[in-house]
């Protein structure tokens, strides 16, 4: 990075976080996935990757927890040109189906679009693993990291997932769509046997079927409900002790799946399904650091469900969570 001044303002046309690191020189390579066909309440997550890229240029590069994160190199790939047209076509089919105007075969077409996204993301992630890089997926809705988690499962036979979210995402084919954003973790559990433990934090919105799935998982799913954490804190538990409880259940290799609605909704007001409660930014940063300093290896991560509003607030927060995850993944190496 000869001649680069990390203290200067980023150029308006620079890469992620104001960096111009080439892919071959980057320890971390981010894969943008602007696809959000099955969102079931608010929309706009398909604009998340572009908004995060723009907002990331305002992130100061020296991080209090992880120092000079940028020095190892962070690169964001160009968007696969098939993704946005695929999103638009599939989203139109979803809207028609939910309005009762779906045609014969539309659900199959929506599911097929999800399969194509999975394939694109899985191939991109597998290639980055082969190159020795840390992959990060920037969504899009929460369906999009499935292919990346599958690629990680093929690479690491004992894989854990730290899942930060307001929702359990264990619904079976929600609203009839196999690759729904609300079914990501059910799909992972059913199709990626290498995932030995799913640890969920921030969960505060779930249906009875999901609650039973957690109870009947035999310990494969360990859910830290937001209300329970609040109760324990009221009884005197420190936040750090709660984080340590969550992290200690994870195996050595960990994928972090961070749905932005795991945060307090004041930090992500335009996300598709905001829920009262959740983590503050500082609490999320502490949890990420607890994982990084636990001796476990963060093999990859995703940040999803960032839906920009009229201002840059949601993307600003999303970009800063993304930088924290980059720092944690590099520290864990």
C-alpha atoms as a PDB file:
ATOM      1  CA  UNK A   1       0.000   0.000   0.000  1.00  0.00           C
ATOM      2  CA  UNK A   2       2.810   2.354  -0.946  1.00  0.00           C
ATOM      3  CA  UNK A   3       1.792   5.977  -0.690  1.00  0.00           C
ATOM      4  CA  UNK A   4      -1.529   5.210   0.985  1.00  0.00           C
ATOM      5  CA  UNK A   5      -2.488   7.546   3.827  1.00  0.00           C
ATOM      6  CA  UNK A   6      -4.960   5.814   6.192  1.00  0.00           C
ATOM      7  CA  UNK A   7      -5.619   9.121   7.945  1.00  0.00           C
ATOM      8  CA  UNK A   8      -6.757  10.941   4.802  1.00  0.00           C
ATOM      9  CA  UNK A   9     -10.280  11.188   3.457  1.00  0.00           C
ATOM     10  CA  UNK A  10     -11.277   8.381   1.105  1.00  0.00           C
ATOM     11  CA  UNK A  11     -11.683   9.153  -2.575  1.00  0.00           C
ATOM     12  CA  UNK A  12     -15.319   9.068  -3.687  1.00  0.00           C
ATOM     13  CA  UNK A  13     -14.580   6.379  -6.270  1.00  0.00           C
ATOM     14  CA  UNK A  14     -12.323   4.217  -4.087  1.00  0.00           C
ATOM     15  CA  UNK A  15     -13.005   0.640  -3.123  1.00  0.00           C
ATOM     16  CA  UNK A  16     -14.492  -0.727   0.086  1.00  0.00           C
ATOM     17  CA  UNK A  17     -13.425   1.326   3.152  1.00  0.00           C
ATOM     18  CA  UNK A  18     -11.607   3.715   0.813  1.00  0.00           C
ATOM     19  CA  UNK A  19      -9.073   1.042  -0.102  1.00  0.00           C
ATOM     20  CA  UNK A  20      -7.875   0.143  -3.572  1.00  0.00           C
ATOM     21  CA  UNK A  21      -6.452  -3.247  -2.667  1.00  0.00           C
ATOM     22  CA  UNK A  22      -6.366  -5.673  -5.582  1.00  0.00           C
ATOM     23  CA  UNK A  23      -8.044  -9.021  -5.009  1.00  0.00           C
ATOM     24  CA  UNK A  24      -4.737 -10.877  -5.280  1.00  0.00           C
ATOM     25  CA  UNK A  25      -3.268  -8.730  -2.485  1.00  0.00           C
ATOM     26  CA  UNK A  26      -6.222  -8.941  -0.083  1.00  0.00           C
ATOM     27  CA  UNK A  27      -6.493 -11.235   2.921  1.00  0.00           C
ATOM     28  CA  UNK A  28     -10.262 -10.655   2.926  1.00  0.00           C
ATOM     29  CA  UNK A  29     -12.400 -10.628  -0.209  1.00  0.00           C
ATOM     30  CA  UNK A  30     -16.024  -9.531   0.029  1.00  0.00           C
ATOM     31  CA  UNK A  31     -18.681 -10.915  -2.318  1.00  0.00           C
ATOM     32  CA  UNK A  32     -21.666  -8.576  -2.842  1.00  0.00           C
ATOM     33  CA  UNK A  33     -24.982 -10.378  -3.383  1.00  0.00           C
ATOM     34  CA  UNK A  34     -27.808  -7.926  -4.211  1.00  0.00           C
ATOM     35  CA  UNK A  35     -30.619 -10.477  -4.039  1.00  0.00           C
ATOM     36  CA  UNK A  36     -33.649 -10.265  -1.739  1.00  0.00           C
ATOM     37  CA  UNK A  37     -36.534 -11.913  -3.563  1.00  0.00           C
ATOM     38  CA  UNK A  38     -38.344 -13.536  -0.644  1.00  0.00           C
ATOM     39  CA  UNK A  39     -38.428 -10.668   1.861  1.00  0.00           C
ATOM     40  CA  UNK A  40     -41.761 -10.862   3.646  1.00  0.00           C
ATOM     41  CA  UNK A  41     -42.290  -7.400   5.143  1.00  0.00           C
ATOM     42  CA  UNK A  42     -40.121  -4.407   4.228  1.00  0.00           C
ATOM     43  CA  UNK A  43     -37.936  -4.437   1.129  1.00  0.00           C
ATOM     44  CA  UNK A  44     -34.723  -2.864  -0.109  1.00  0.00           C
ATOM     45  CA  UNK A  45     -32.035  -5.278   1.082  1.00  0.00           C
ATOM     46  CA  UNK A  46     -30.935  -5.814  -2.515  1.00  0.00           C
ATOM     47  CA  UNK A  47     -29.553  -2.257  -2.346  1.00  0.00           C
ATOM     48  CA  UNK A  48     -27.504  -3.119   0.733  1.00  0.00           C
ATOM     49  CA  UNK A  49     -24.168  -3.983  -0.918  1.00  0.00           C
ATOM     50  CA  UNK A  50     -23.993  -0.746  -2.918  1.00  0.00           C
ATOM     51  CA  UNK A  51     -25.061   1.344   0.077  1.00  0.00           C
ATOM     52  CA  UNK A  52     -22.512  -0.320   2.367  1.00  0.00           C
ATOM     53  CA  UNK A  53     -19.761   0.264  -0.193  1.00  0.00           C
ATOM     54  CA  UNK A  54     -20.610   3.976  -0.342  1.00  0.00           C
ATOM     55  CA  UNK A  55     -20.920   4.352   3.450  1.00  0.00           C
ATOM     56  CA  UNK A  56     -17.730   2.372   4.113  1.00  0.00           C
ATOM     57  CA  UNK A  57     -15.622   5.252   2.808  1.00  0.00           C
ATOM     58  CA  UNK A  58     -16.559   7.163   5.977  1.00  0.00           C
ATOM     59  CA  UNK A  59     -15.238   4.456   8.324  1.00  0.00           C
ATOM     60  CA  UNK A  60     -11.997   5.462  10.050  1.00  0.00           C
ATOM     61  CA  UNK A  61      -9.445   2.752   9.431  1.00  0.00           C
ATOM     62  CA  UNK A  62      -7.822   2.503  12.852  1.00  0.00           C
ATOM     63  CA  UNK A  63     -10.086   0.295  14.946  1.00  0.00           C
ATOM     64  CA  UNK A  64     -10.068   0.541  18.753  1.00  0.00           C
ATOM     65  CA  UNK A  65     -10.378  -3.232  19.168  1.00  0.00           C
ATOM     66  CA  UNK A  66      -8.368  -4.595  16.245  1.00  0.00           C
ATOM     67  CA  UNK A  67      -5.997  -1.808  15.214  1.00  0.00           C
ATOM     68  CA  UNK A  68      -4.872  -1.483  11.574  1.00  0.00           C
ATOM     69  CA  UNK A  69      -7.394  -3.860  10.054  1.00  0.00           C
ATOM     70  CA  UNK A  70      -6.824  -2.454   6.567  1.00  0.00           C
ATOM     71  CA  UNK A  71      -3.130  -3.408   6.423  1.00  0.00           C
ATOM     72  CA  UNK A  72      -3.787  -7.014   5.447  1.00  0.00           C
ATOM     73  CA  UNK A  73      -5.956  -5.888   2.540  1.00  0.00           C
ATOM     74  CA  UNK A  74      -9.745  -5.904   2.009  1.00  0.00           C
ATOM     75  CA  UNK A  75     -11.246  -6.103  -1.464  1.00  0.00           C
ATOM     76  CA  UNK A  76     -14.865  -6.147  -2.661  1.00  0.00           C
ATOM     77  CA  UNK A  77     -15.559  -8.011  -5.878  1.00  0.00           C
ATOM     78  CA  UNK A  78     -17.723  -6.627  -8.657  1.00  0.00           C
ATOM     79  CA  UNK A  79     -21.346  -7.759  -8.537  1.00  0.00           C
ATOM     80  CA  UNK A  80     -22.144 -10.802 -10.655  1.00  0.00           C
ATOM     81  CA  UNK A  81     -24.146  -9.247 -13.521  1.00  0.00           C
ATOM     82  CA  UNK A  82     -26.842 -11.918 -13.364  1.00  0.00           C
ATOM     83  CA  UNK A  83     -27.833 -11.228  -9.762  1.00  0.00           C
ATOM     84  CA  UNK A  84     -29.874  -8.025  -9.983  1.00  0.00           C
ATOM     85  CA  UNK A  85     -31.944  -9.179 -12.999  1.00  0.00           C
ATOM     86  CA  UNK A  86     -32.521 -12.475 -11.189  1.00  0.00           C
ATOM     87  CA  UNK A  87     -33.638 -10.588  -8.071  1.00  0.00           C
ATOM     88  CA  UNK A  88     -36.052  -8.391 -10.037  1.00  0.00           C
ATOM     89  CA  UNK A  89     -37.637 -11.305 -11.875  1.00  0.00           C
ATOM     90  CA  UNK A  90     -37.939 -13.505  -8.780  1.00  0.00           C
ATOM     91  CA  UNK A  91     -39.222 -10.624  -6.640  1.00  0.00           C
ATOM     92  CA  UNK A  92     -42.015  -9.916  -9.140  1.00  0.00           C
ATOM     93  CA  UNK A  93     -43.008 -13.583  -8.996  1.00  0.00           C
ATOM     94  CA  UNK A  94     -42.981 -13.536  -5.174  1.00  0.00           C
ATOM     95  CA  UNK A  95     -45.184 -10.443  -5.027  1.00  0.00           C
ATOM     96  CA  UNK A  96     -47.660 -11.986  -7.453  1.00  0.00           C
ATOM     97  CA  UNK A  97     -47.700 -15.250  -5.501  1.00  0.00           C
ATOM     98  CA  UNK A  98     -48.286 -13.531  -2.159  1.00  0.00           C
ATOM     99  CA  UNK A  99     -51.074 -11.454  -3.670  1.00  0.00           C
ATOM    100  CA  UNK A 100     -52.825 -14.590  -4.948  1.00  0.00           C
ATOM    101  CA  UNK A 101     -51.957 -13.848  -8.578  1.00  0.00           C
ATOM    102  CA  UNK A 102     -49.244 -16.452  -8.981  1.00  0.00           C
ATOM    103  CA  UNK A 103     -49.217 -18.601 -12.076  1.00  0.00           C
ATOM    104  CA  UNK A 104     -48.531 -22.320 -12.344  1.00  0.00           C
ATOM    105  CA  UNK A 105     -44.856 -22.980 -11.842  1.00  0.00           C
ATOM    106  CA  UNK A 106     -44.064 -19.617 -10.240  1.00  0.00           C
ATOM    107  CA  UNK A 107     -42.992 -21.146  -6.921  1.00  0.00           C
ATOM    108  CA  UNK A 108     -40.689 -23.515  -8.795  1.00  0.00           C
ATOM    109  CA  UNK A 109     -39.221 -20.533 -10.659  1.00  0.00           C
ATOM    110  CA  UNK A 110     -38.655 -18.651  -7.385  1.00  0.00           C
ATOM    111  CA  UNK A 111     -36.950 -21.679  -5.850  1.00  0.00           C
ATOM    112  CA  UNK A 112     -34.827 -22.088  -8.979  1.00  0.00           C
ATOM    113  CA  UNK A 113     -33.645 -18.485  -8.628  1.00  0.00           C
ATOM    114  CA  UNK A 114     -32.547 -19.302  -5.083  1.00  0.00           C
ATOM    115  CA  UNK A 115     -30.626 -22.326  -6.333  1.00  0.00           C
ATOM    116  CA  UNK A 116     -28.813 -20.152  -8.890  1.00  0.00           C
ATOM    117  CA  UNK A 117     -27.819 -17.656  -6.201  1.00  0.00           C
ATOM    118  CA  UNK A 118     -26.604 -20.496  -3.986  1.00  0.00           C
ATOM    119  CA  UNK A 119     -24.465 -21.814  -6.829  1.00  0.00           C
ATOM    120  CA  UNK A 120     -22.943 -18.408  -7.625  1.00  0.00           C
ATOM    121  CA  UNK A 121     -22.106 -17.743  -3.974  1.00  0.00           C
ATOM    122  CA  UNK A 122     -20.813 -21.252  -3.294  1.00  0.00           C
ATOM    123  CA  UNK A 123     -18.463 -21.190  -6.286  1.00  0.00           C
ATOM    124  CA  UNK A 124     -17.164 -17.719  -5.398  1.00  0.00           C
ATOM    125  CA  UNK A 125     -16.581 -18.708  -1.772  1.00  0.00           C
ATOM    126  CA  UNK A 126     -14.916 -22.018  -2.611  1.00  0.00           C
ATOM    127  CA  UNK A 127     -12.525 -20.198  -4.959  1.00  0.00           C
ATOM    128  CA  UNK A 128     -11.560 -17.771  -2.192  1.00  0.00           C
ATOM    129  CA  UNK A 129     -10.902 -20.634   0.212  1.00  0.00           C
ATOM    130  CA  UNK A 130      -8.670 -22.241  -2.413  1.00  0.00           C
ATOM    131  CA  UNK A 131      -6.712 -18.982  -2.661  1.00  0.00           C
ATOM    132  CA  UNK A 132      -6.236 -18.849   1.110  1.00  0.00           C
ATOM    133  CA  UNK A 133      -8.450 -15.785   1.548  1.00  0.00           C
ATOM    134  CA  UNK A 134     -11.182 -15.064   4.070  1.00  0.00           C
ATOM    135  CA  UNK A 135     -14.558 -14.689   2.337  1.00  0.00           C
ATOM    136  CA  UNK A 136     -17.226 -12.250   3.440  1.00  0.00           C
ATOM    137  CA  UNK A 137     -20.725 -12.140   1.939  1.00  0.00           C
ATOM    138  CA  UNK A 138     -22.506  -8.779   1.771  1.00  0.00           C
ATOM    139  CA  UNK A 139     -26.251  -9.161   1.224  1.00  0.00           C
ATOM    140  CA  UNK A 140     -29.015  -8.988   0.241  1.00  0.00           C
ATOM    141  CA  UNK A 141     -31.483 -10.858   2.375  1.00  0.00           C
ATOM    142  CA  UNK A 142     -30.546 -13.652   4.734  1.00  0.00           C
ATOM    143  CA  UNK A 143     -31.055 -16.391   2.156  1.00  0.00           C
ATOM    144  CA  UNK A 144     -27.892 -15.392   0.275  1.00  0.00           C
ATOM    145  CA  UNK A 145     -25.096 -16.818   2.492  1.00  0.00           C
ATOM    146  CA  UNK A 146     -26.301 -20.428   2.193  1.00  0.00           C
ATOM    147  CA  UNK A 147     -23.878 -21.223  -0.629  1.00  0.00           C
ATOM    148  CA  UNK A 148     -20.994 -19.712   1.326  1.00  0.00           C
ATOM    149  CA  UNK A 149     -21.816 -21.736   4.440  1.00  0.00           C
ATOM    150  CA  UNK A 150     -22.057 -24.855   2.266  1.00  0.00           C
ATOM    151  CA  UNK A 151     -18.599 -24.072   0.839  1.00  0.00           C
ATOM    152  CA  UNK A 152     -17.254 -23.580   4.367  1.00  0.00           C
ATOM    153  CA  UNK A 153     -18.804 -26.880   5.420  1.00  0.00           C
ATOM    154  CA  UNK A 154     -17.057 -28.649   2.557  1.00  0.00           C
ATOM    155  CA  UNK A 155     -13.761 -27.118   3.694  1.00  0.00           C
ATOM    156  CA  UNK A 156     -14.105 -27.496   7.470  1.00  0.00           C
ATOM    157  CA  UNK A 157     -15.732 -30.741   8.648  1.00  0.00           C
ATOM    158  CA  UNK A 158     -16.327 -29.410  12.186  1.00  0.00           C
ATOM    159  CA  UNK A 159     -17.972 -26.029  11.636  1.00  0.00           C
ATOM    160  CA  UNK A 160     -19.866 -23.768  13.996  1.00  0.00           C
ATOM    161  CA  UNK A 161     -22.057 -20.784  13.195  1.00  0.00           C
ATOM    162  CA  UNK A 162     -22.407 -17.723  15.392  1.00  0.00           C
ATOM    163  CA  UNK A 163     -25.759 -16.349  14.256  1.00  0.00           C
ATOM    164  CA  UNK A 164     -26.723 -12.826  15.340  1.00  0.00           C
ATOM    165  CA  UNK A 165     -30.344 -12.078  14.485  1.00  0.00           C
ATOM    166  CA  UNK A 166     -33.722 -10.992  15.815  1.00  0.00           C
ATOM    167  CA  UNK A 167     -35.199 -14.133  14.226  1.00  0.00           C
ATOM    168  CA  UNK A 168     -34.397 -17.833  14.569  1.00  0.00           C
ATOM    169  CA  UNK A 169     -34.644 -18.357  10.764  1.00  0.00           C
ATOM    170  CA  UNK A 170     -35.609 -21.991  11.316  1.00  0.00           C
ATOM    171  CA  UNK A 171     -38.922 -21.898   9.448  1.00  0.00           C
ATOM    172  CA  UNK A 172     -39.493 -24.655   6.923  1.00  0.00           C
ATOM    173  CA  UNK A 173     -40.001 -23.247   3.404  1.00  0.00           C
ATOM    174  CA  UNK A 174     -41.560 -20.049   4.763  1.00  0.00           C
ATOM    175  CA  UNK A 175     -44.541 -18.842   2.690  1.00  0.00           C
ATOM    176  CA  UNK A 176     -43.912 -21.855   0.464  1.00  0.00           C
ATOM    177  CA  UNK A 177     -40.460 -20.762  -0.730  1.00  0.00           C
ATOM    178  CA  UNK A 178     -37.680 -23.294  -0.210  1.00  0.00           C
ATOM    179  CA  UNK A 179     -34.916 -20.670  -0.099  1.00  0.00           C
ATOM    180  CA  UNK A 180     -36.718 -18.065   1.997  1.00  0.00           C
ATOM    181  CA  UNK A 181     -34.730 -15.601   4.063  1.00  0.00           C
ATOM    182  CA  UNK A 182     -36.629 -16.993   7.069  1.00  0.00           C
ATOM    183  CA  UNK A 183     -35.445 -20.551   6.325  1.00  0.00           C
ATOM    184  CA  UNK A 184     -31.693 -20.033   6.014  1.00  0.00           C
ATOM    185  CA  UNK A 185     -30.728 -21.841   9.221  1.00  0.00           C
ATOM    186  CA  UNK A 186     -33.223 -24.665   8.674  1.00  0.00           C
ATOM    187  CA  UNK A 187     -31.650 -25.183   5.241  1.00  0.00           C
ATOM    188  CA  UNK A 188     -28.170 -25.125   6.768  1.00  0.00           C
ATOM    189  CA  UNK A 189     -29.067 -27.690   9.419  1.00  0.00           C
ATOM    190  CA  UNK A 190     -30.734 -29.982   6.891  1.00  0.00           C
ATOM    191  CA  UNK A 191     -28.160 -29.689   4.087  1.00  0.00           C
ATOM    192  CA  UNK A 192     -24.768 -28.876   5.637  1.00  0.00           C
ATOM    193  CA  UNK A 193     -23.913 -31.741   8.001  1.00  0.00           C
ATOM    194  CA  UNK A 194     -20.500 -30.224   8.765  1.00  0.00           C
ATOM    195  CA  UNK A 195     -22.290 -27.593  10.876  1.00  0.00           C
ATOM    196  CA  UNK A 196     -22.083 -29.218  14.294  1.00  0.00           C
ATOM    197  CA  UNK A 197     -23.314 -26.288  16.361  1.00  0.00           C
ATOM    198  CA  UNK A 198     -25.496 -23.276  15.636  1.00  0.00           C
ATOM    199  CA  UNK A 199     -25.235 -20.637  18.363  1.00  0.00           C
ATOM    200  CA  UNK A 200     -27.861 -17.905  18.087  1.00  0.00           C
ATOM    201  CA  UNK A 201     -27.729 -14.525  19.844  1.00  0.00           C
ATOM    202  CA  UNK A 202     -30.300 -11.738  19.938  1.00  0.00           C
ATOM    203  CA  UNK A 203     -33.282 -13.961  19.091  1.00  0.00           C
ATOM    204  CA  UNK A 204     -36.588 -12.400  20.062  1.00  0.00           C
ATOM    205  CA  UNK A 205     -39.048 -13.251  17.270  1.00  0.00           C
ATOM    206  CA  UNK A 206     -39.875 -16.867  16.424  1.00  0.00           C
ATOM    207  CA  UNK A 207     -42.817 -19.179  15.869  1.00  0.00           C
ATOM    208  CA  UNK A 208     -43.699 -22.271  17.893  1.00  0.00           C
ATOM    209  CA  UNK A 209     -42.376 -24.591  15.172  1.00  0.00           C
ATOM    210  CA  UNK A 210     -38.986 -22.897  15.443  1.00  0.00           C
ATOM    211  CA  UNK A 211     -39.021 -23.079  19.240  1.00  0.00           C
ATOM    212  CA  UNK A 212     -39.696 -26.809  19.053  1.00  0.00           C
ATOM    213  CA  UNK A 213     -36.943 -27.227  16.457  1.00  0.00           C
ATOM    214  CA  UNK A 214     -34.492 -25.632  18.901  1.00  0.00           C
ATOM    215  CA  UNK A 215     -35.658 -27.833  21.777  1.00  0.00           C
ATOM    216  CA  UNK A 216     -35.518 -30.991  19.673  1.00  0.00           C
ATOM    217  CA  UNK A 217     -32.107 -30.313  18.089  1.00  0.00           C
ATOM    218  CA  UNK A 218     -30.237 -32.374  20.660  1.00  0.00           C
ATOM    219  CA  UNK A 219     -28.000 -29.421  21.484  1.00  0.00           C
ATOM    220  CA  UNK A 220     -27.020 -28.763  17.859  1.00  0.00           C
ATOM    221  CA  UNK A 221     -28.866 -25.436  18.161  1.00  0.00           C
ATOM    222  CA  UNK A 222     -28.127 -23.284  21.196  1.00  0.00           C
ATOM    223  CA  UNK A 223     -30.308 -20.194  21.221  1.00  0.00           C
ATOM    224  CA  UNK A 224     -29.597 -17.257  23.496  1.00  0.00           C
ATOM    225  CA  UNK A 225     -32.929 -15.475  23.601  1.00  0.00           C
ATOM    226  CA  UNK A 226     -32.738 -11.715  23.955  1.00  0.00           C
ATOM    227  CA  UNK A 227     -35.278 -11.662  26.785  1.00  0.00           C
ATOM    228  CA  UNK A 228     -33.325 -14.299  28.708  1.00  0.00           C
ATOM    229  CA  UNK A 229     -30.119 -12.261  28.409  1.00  0.00           C
ATOM    230  CA  UNK A 230     -31.977  -9.219  29.692  1.00  0.00           C
ATOM    231  CA  UNK A 231     -33.318 -11.260  32.632  1.00  0.00           C
ATOM    232  CA  UNK A 232     -29.855 -12.568  33.498  1.00  0.00           C
ATOM    233  CA  UNK A 233     -28.377  -9.092  33.336  1.00  0.00           C
ATOM    234  CA  UNK A 234     -31.098  -7.886  35.673  1.00  0.00           C
ATOM    235  CA  UNK A 235     -30.018 -10.585  38.118  1.00  0.00           C
ATOM    236  CA  UNK A 236     -26.415  -9.415  37.996  1.00  0.00           C
ATOM    237  CA  UNK A 237     -24.748 -11.272  35.113  1.00  0.00           C
ATOM    238  CA  UNK A 238     -22.202  -9.230  33.182  1.00  0.00           C
ATOM    239  CA  UNK A 239     -22.562  -8.865  29.445  1.00  0.00           C
ATOM    240  CA  UNK A 240     -19.111 -10.365  29.008  1.00  0.00           C
ATOM    241  CA  UNK A 241     -20.151 -13.515  30.879  1.00  0.00           C
ATOM    242  CA  UNK A 242     -23.109 -13.906  28.516  1.00  0.00           C
ATOM    243  CA  UNK A 243     -20.832 -13.557  25.502  1.00  0.00           C
ATOM    244  CA  UNK A 244     -18.418 -16.115  26.934  1.00  0.00           C
ATOM    245  CA  UNK A 245     -21.299 -18.560  27.444  1.00  0.00           C
ATOM    246  CA  UNK A 246     -22.266 -18.193  23.790  1.00  0.00           C
ATOM    247  CA  UNK A 247     -18.749 -18.471  22.390  1.00  0.00           C
ATOM    248  CA  UNK A 248     -17.614 -21.467  24.459  1.00  0.00           C
ATOM    249  CA  UNK A 249     -20.177 -23.710  22.752  1.00  0.00           C
ATOM    250  CA  UNK A 250     -18.643 -23.147  19.311  1.00  0.00           C
ATOM    251  CA  UNK A 251     -16.100 -25.501  17.710  1.00  0.00           C
ATOM    252  CA  UNK A 252     -12.703 -24.300  16.521  1.00  0.00           C
ATOM    253  CA  UNK A 253     -13.828 -23.153  13.057  1.00  0.00           C
ATOM    254  CA  UNK A 254     -16.637 -20.592  12.991  1.00  0.00           C
ATOM    255  CA  UNK A 255     -18.707 -18.816  10.369  1.00  0.00           C
ATOM    256  CA  UNK A 256     -20.354 -15.593  11.600  1.00  0.00           C
ATOM    257  CA  UNK A 257     -23.769 -14.845  10.114  1.00  0.00           C
ATOM    258  CA  UNK A 258     -24.804 -11.340  11.104  1.00  0.00           C
ATOM    259  CA  UNK A 259     -28.317 -10.191  10.276  1.00  0.00           C
ATOM    260  CA  UNK A 260     -28.380  -6.452  10.954  1.00  0.00           C
ATOM    261  CA  UNK A 261     -31.797  -6.753  12.632  1.00  0.00           C
ATOM    262  CA  UNK A 262     -30.040  -8.500  15.514  1.00  0.00           C
ATOM    263  CA  UNK A 263     -29.213  -4.945  16.575  1.00  0.00           C
ATOM    264  CA  UNK A 264     -31.547  -2.520  18.304  1.00  0.00           C
ATOM    265  CA  UNK A 265     -33.834  -1.256  15.493  1.00  0.00           C
ATOM    266  CA  UNK A 266     -32.748   2.332  16.107  1.00  0.00           C
ATOM    267  CA  UNK A 267     -29.508   1.215  14.429  1.00  0.00           C
ATOM    268  CA  UNK A 268     -31.247  -0.350  11.423  1.00  0.00           C
ATOM    269  CA  UNK A 269     -34.658   1.318  11.082  1.00  0.00           C
ATOM    270  CA  UNK A 270     -35.158   0.354   7.428  1.00  0.00           C
ATOM    271  CA  UNK A 271     -34.286  -3.333   7.689  1.00  0.00           C
ATOM    272  CA  UNK A 272     -37.048  -5.582   6.405  1.00  0.00           C
ATOM    273  CA  UNK A 273     -38.275  -7.052   9.701  1.00  0.00           C
ATOM    274  CA  UNK A 274     -37.225  -4.856  12.644  1.00  0.00           C
ATOM    275  CA  UNK A 275     -38.030  -6.102  16.155  1.00  0.00           C
ATOM    276  CA  UNK A 276     -37.819  -4.182  19.469  1.00  0.00           C
ATOM    277  CA  UNK A 277     -34.908  -5.159  21.686  1.00  0.00           C
ATOM    278  CA  UNK A 278     -31.583  -6.456  20.448  1.00  0.00           C
ATOM    279  CA  UNK A 279     -27.922  -5.563  20.827  1.00  0.00           C
ATOM    280  CA  UNK A 280     -26.410  -2.104  20.969  1.00  0.00           C
ATOM    281  CA  UNK A 281     -23.505  -1.483  18.612  1.00  0.00           C
ATOM    282  CA  UNK A 282     -21.048  -1.675  21.509  1.00  0.00           C
ATOM    283  CA  UNK A 283     -22.516  -4.990  22.676  1.00  0.00           C
ATOM    284  CA  UNK A 284     -22.240  -6.441  19.168  1.00  0.00           C
ATOM    285  CA  UNK A 285     -18.622  -5.290  18.983  1.00  0.00           C
ATOM    286  CA  UNK A 286     -17.910  -6.906  22.347  1.00  0.00           C
ATOM    287  CA  UNK A 287     -19.440 -10.213  21.232  1.00  0.00           C
ATOM    288  CA  UNK A 288     -17.389 -10.175  18.019  1.00  0.00           C
ATOM    289  CA  UNK A 289     -14.216  -9.446  19.991  1.00  0.00           C
ATOM    290  CA  UNK A 290     -14.996 -12.215  22.490  1.00  0.00           C
ATOM    291  CA  UNK A 291     -15.124 -14.676  19.606  1.00  0.00           C
ATOM    292  CA  UNK A 292     -11.930 -13.320  18.037  1.00  0.00           C
ATOM    293  CA  UNK A 293     -10.002 -13.595  21.308  1.00  0.00           C
ATOM    294  CA  UNK A 294     -11.313 -17.063  22.173  1.00  0.00           C
ATOM    295  CA  UNK A 295      -8.726 -18.875  20.063  1.00  0.00           C
ATOM    296  CA  UNK A 296     -11.292 -19.925  17.484  1.00  0.00           C
ATOM    297  CA  UNK A 297     -10.762 -19.283  13.799  1.00  0.00           C
ATOM    298  CA  UNK A 298     -13.335 -17.180  11.964  1.00  0.00           C
ATOM    299  CA  UNK A 299     -13.286 -18.809   8.524  1.00  0.00           C
ATOM    300  CA  UNK A 300     -15.760 -16.372   6.955  1.00  0.00           C
ATOM    301  CA  UNK A 301     -18.763 -14.205   7.640  1.00  0.00           C
ATOM    302  CA  UNK A 302     -21.798 -12.483   6.182  1.00  0.00           C
ATOM    303  CA  UNK A 303     -23.632  -9.220   6.853  1.00  0.00           C
ATOM    304  CA  UNK A 304     -27.194  -9.211   5.547  1.00  0.00           C
ATOM    305  CA  UNK A 305     -30.554  -7.412   5.591  1.00  0.00           C
ATOM    306  CA  UNK A 306     -29.109  -3.888   5.425  1.00  0.00           C
ATOM    307  CA  UNK A 307     -31.834  -1.910   3.644  1.00  0.00           C
ATOM    308  CA  UNK A 308     -30.853   1.740   3.065  1.00  0.00           C
ATOM    309  CA  UNK A 309     -33.352   4.501   3.725  1.00  0.00           C
ATOM    310  CA  UNK A 310     -33.316   8.103   2.520  1.00  0.00           C
ATOM    311  CA  UNK A 311     -30.183   8.737   4.572  1.00  0.00           C
ATOM    312  CA  UNK A 312     -27.090   6.569   4.993  1.00  0.00           C
ATOM    313  CA  UNK A 313     -27.701   5.531   8.603  1.00  0.00           C
ATOM    314  CA  UNK A 314     -28.471   1.836   8.042  1.00  0.00           C
ATOM    315  CA  UNK A 315     -25.542   1.470   5.638  1.00  0.00           C
ATOM    316  CA  UNK A 316     -23.255   3.409   7.977  1.00  0.00           C
ATOM    317  CA  UNK A 317     -23.976   0.942  10.786  1.00  0.00           C
ATOM    318  CA  UNK A 318     -23.721  -2.025   8.401  1.00  0.00           C
ATOM    319  CA  UNK A 319     -20.324  -0.881   7.123  1.00  0.00           C
ATOM    320  CA  UNK A 320     -19.009  -0.565  10.672  1.00  0.00           C
ATOM    321  CA  UNK A 321     -20.227  -4.040  11.636  1.00  0.00           C
ATOM    322  CA  UNK A 322     -18.553  -5.296   8.463  1.00  0.00           C
ATOM    323  CA  UNK A 323     -15.231  -3.682   9.432  1.00  0.00           C
ATOM    324  CA  UNK A 324     -15.459  -5.194  12.932  1.00  0.00           C
ATOM    325  CA  UNK A 325     -15.952  -8.639  11.373  1.00  0.00           C
ATOM    326  CA  UNK A 326     -12.970  -8.090   9.087  1.00  0.00           C
ATOM    327  CA  UNK A 327     -10.847  -7.158  12.101  1.00  0.00           C
ATOM    328  CA  UNK A 328     -12.052 -10.140  14.111  1.00  0.00           C
ATOM    329  CA  UNK A 329     -11.397 -12.597  11.277  1.00  0.00           C
ATOM    330  CA  UNK A 330      -7.873 -11.285  10.809  1.00  0.00           C
ATOM    331  CA  UNK A 331      -7.171 -11.290  14.549  1.00  0.00           C
ATOM    332  CA  UNK A 332      -8.338 -14.895  14.785  1.00  0.00           C
ATOM    333  CA  UNK A 333      -5.783 -15.881  12.147  1.00  0.00           C
END
